[in-house]
Each structure stands twice: as structure tokens, then as C-alpha cells.
Amino acid sequence: MDLEKEIAYWRCHNKPVIFIAKTLNISCDEVRRIINSWKEETRDFIFSLKEHDLGFFNPDITGLLKSSDLSVEYARKILSNKFVINYIVLNRERKHYRHMDCIRYHVKILLQGK
């Protein structure tokens, strides 16, 4: 498994940077650098999304993220889910948010897979 995919796996399992760095035997700065690159690469896509007509419903998508196999197919699946889209729209401004980092990885591989 490549380093980005391993970091994404742990972010999808809601793990902090320090845990990931210790587990993968790399520096916290390296983990942060990779996560920040996802933020830059996915910014336009994430901010282009529009909220579905579900009001301010902020769904629990933890199960969807934890069960991810980090594939392009799974990225397509979660990014076509209206609850996930609303979750992204409602949380895209939050800093240091583990679930959004997981979603950003899925967006990144989907954009690369096209």
C-alpha cells in the first residue's frame, strides 16, 4: 500500500496525525504535508458542490468512511450519495477534520481516475 493510501485509511478511521505518524514511522510534518496537498488538489471540486434539499441535516457517514476500500469505485459510490454531498457542503470549511480528509482522498483519486 502506498503512503497516501495508508494515511487515508487511518484518517477514514478517525485517527489523529500523531497516531498515523507513529504507526507509519514517519514525521507528523510529513503526514500534514500529504493531507494539505489533498486540500489543495480537491479545493475547487469540493467548493463547486451544491447542497441537496435536505436542510441543515448533517448525517453520520462514519460507517461509509470506515468501510471504504479506498478505491476509485468506492469514491464514485460515496460521492454520488446525497447525504455525503450535504456532509461535505456543511463541513468543507472546517480545519483539521479527519472525516473531511478521508473524503478529500476519495475526491483526489476520483479526479485522478478520470
Protein backbone atom coordinates (compact mmCIF):
# COMPACT_ATOMS: atom_id res chain seq x y z
CA MET A 1 0.00 0.00 0.00
CA ASP A 2 1.36 3.42 -0.86
CA LEU A 3 1.91 6.06 1.82
CA GLU A 4 -1.02 8.30 0.81
CA LYS A 5 -3.40 5.36 0.86
CA GLU A 6 -2.18 4.30 4.30
CA ILE A 7 -2.68 7.83 5.64
CA ALA A 8 -6.16 7.92 4.10
CA TYR A 9 -7.00 4.57 5.69
CA TRP A 10 -6.20 5.90 9.15
CA ARG A 11 -7.96 9.23 8.56
CA CYS A 12 -11.06 7.31 7.46
CA HIS A 13 -10.80 5.51 10.80
CA ASN A 14 -10.74 8.89 12.57
CA LYS A 15 -7.11 8.69 13.74
CA PRO A 16 -5.04 11.78 14.61
CA VAL A 17 -1.86 12.81 12.81
CA ILE A 18 0.39 11.76 15.69
CA PHE A 19 -1.09 8.22 15.71
CA ILE A 20 -0.61 7.93 11.94
CA ALA A 21 2.97 9.21 12.12
CA LYS A 22 3.89 6.74 14.86
CA THR A 23 2.13 3.84 13.13
CA LEU A 24 3.78 4.52 9.76
CA ASN A 25 7.11 5.55 11.31
CA ILE A 26 7.17 8.94 9.59
CA SER A 27 7.13 12.51 10.90
CA CYS A 28 3.96 14.38 11.78
CA ASP A 29 5.07 17.06 9.35
CA GLU A 30 5.11 14.52 6.50
CA VAL A 31 1.57 13.41 7.35
CA ARG A 32 0.40 17.04 7.47
CA ARG A 33 2.16 17.82 4.17
CA ILE A 34 0.30 15.00 2.41
CA ILE A 35 -3.06 15.94 3.94
CA ASN A 36 -2.52 19.59 2.97
CA SER A 37 -1.74 18.53 -0.60
CA TRP A 38 -5.14 16.78 -0.72
CA LYS A 39 -6.79 20.00 0.45
CA GLU A 40 -5.14 21.97 -2.35
CA GLU A 41 -5.84 19.36 -5.04
CA THR A 42 -9.53 19.00 -4.14
CA ARG A 43 -10.45 22.57 -3.17
CA ASP A 44 -12.14 23.51 -6.48
CA PHE A 45 -14.16 20.30 -6.64
CA ILE A 46 -15.32 20.50 -3.02
CA PHE A 47 -16.34 24.15 -3.26
CA SER A 48 -18.22 23.51 -6.51
CA LEU A 49 -20.64 21.12 -4.78
CA LYS A 50 -24.16 22.33 -4.04
CA GLU A 51 -26.29 21.28 -1.11
CA HIS A 52 -29.21 18.94 -1.77
CA ASP A 53 -32.59 20.00 -0.43
CA LEU A 54 -32.16 18.34 2.96
CA GLY A 55 -31.94 21.48 5.04
CA PHE A 56 -29.14 21.52 7.56
CA PHE A 57 -29.14 17.80 8.10
CA ASN A 58 -25.58 16.74 8.95
CA PRO A 59 -25.63 12.95 8.52
CA ASP A 60 -23.40 10.43 10.26
CA ILE A 61 -21.28 9.00 7.45
CA THR A 62 -18.72 7.33 9.72
CA GLY A 63 -19.76 3.83 8.64
CA LEU A 64 -19.40 4.69 4.96
CA LEU A 65 -15.91 6.05 5.51
CA LYS A 66 -14.69 3.22 7.74
CA SER A 67 -15.85 0.58 5.27
CA SER A 68 -14.02 2.21 2.35
CA ASP A 69 -11.54 0.12 0.39
CA LEU A 70 -10.01 3.42 -0.86
CA SER A 71 -10.73 2.57 -4.50
CA VAL A 72 -11.95 4.75 -7.34
CA GLU A 73 -15.16 2.70 -7.45
CA TYR A 74 -15.85 3.37 -3.78
CA ALA A 75 -15.03 7.05 -4.30
CA ARG A 76 -17.70 7.15 -7.02
CA LYS A 77 -20.15 5.44 -4.68
CA ILE A 78 -19.75 7.81 -1.75
CA LEU A 79 -19.51 10.95 -3.89
CA SER A 80 -22.81 10.13 -5.58
CA ASN A 81 -24.56 9.84 -2.20
CA LYS A 82 -26.65 12.96 -1.47
CA PHE A 83 -26.04 12.63 2.28
CA VAL A 84 -22.26 12.62 1.72
CA ILE A 85 -22.57 15.67 -0.54
CA ASN A 86 -24.52 17.53 2.15
CA TYR A 87 -21.94 16.47 4.71
CA ILE A 88 -19.18 17.91 2.51
CA VAL A 89 -21.06 21.17 1.94
CA LEU A 90 -21.71 21.61 5.66
CA ASN A 91 -18.16 20.71 6.77
CA ARG A 92 -15.87 21.85 3.96
CA GLU A 93 -14.68 24.94 5.87
CA ARG A 94 -13.60 23.01 8.97
CA LYS A 95 -9.86 22.78 9.58
CA HIS A 96 -8.12 19.63 10.82
CA TYR A 97 -11.20 17.49 10.30
CA ARG A 98 -10.39 13.81 9.91
CA HIS A 99 -13.51 12.73 8.04
CA MET A 100 -13.11 15.55 5.55
CA ASP A 101 -9.52 14.44 4.99
CA CYS A 102 -10.83 10.97 4.19
CA ILE A 103 -13.35 12.43 1.76
CA ARG A 104 -10.66 14.60 0.17
CA TYR A 105 -8.59 11.49 -0.52
CA HIS A 106 -11.60 9.93 -2.27
CA VAL A 107 -12.11 13.10 -4.34
CA LYS A 108 -8.41 13.12 -5.22
CA ILE A 109 -8.37 9.53 -6.51
CA LEU A 110 -11.62 10.10 -8.37
CA LEU A 111 -10.18 13.17 -10.10
CA GLN A 112 -7.01 11.24 -10.95
CA GLY A 113 -9.04 8.27 -12.19
CA LYS A 114 -10.90 10.31 -14.82
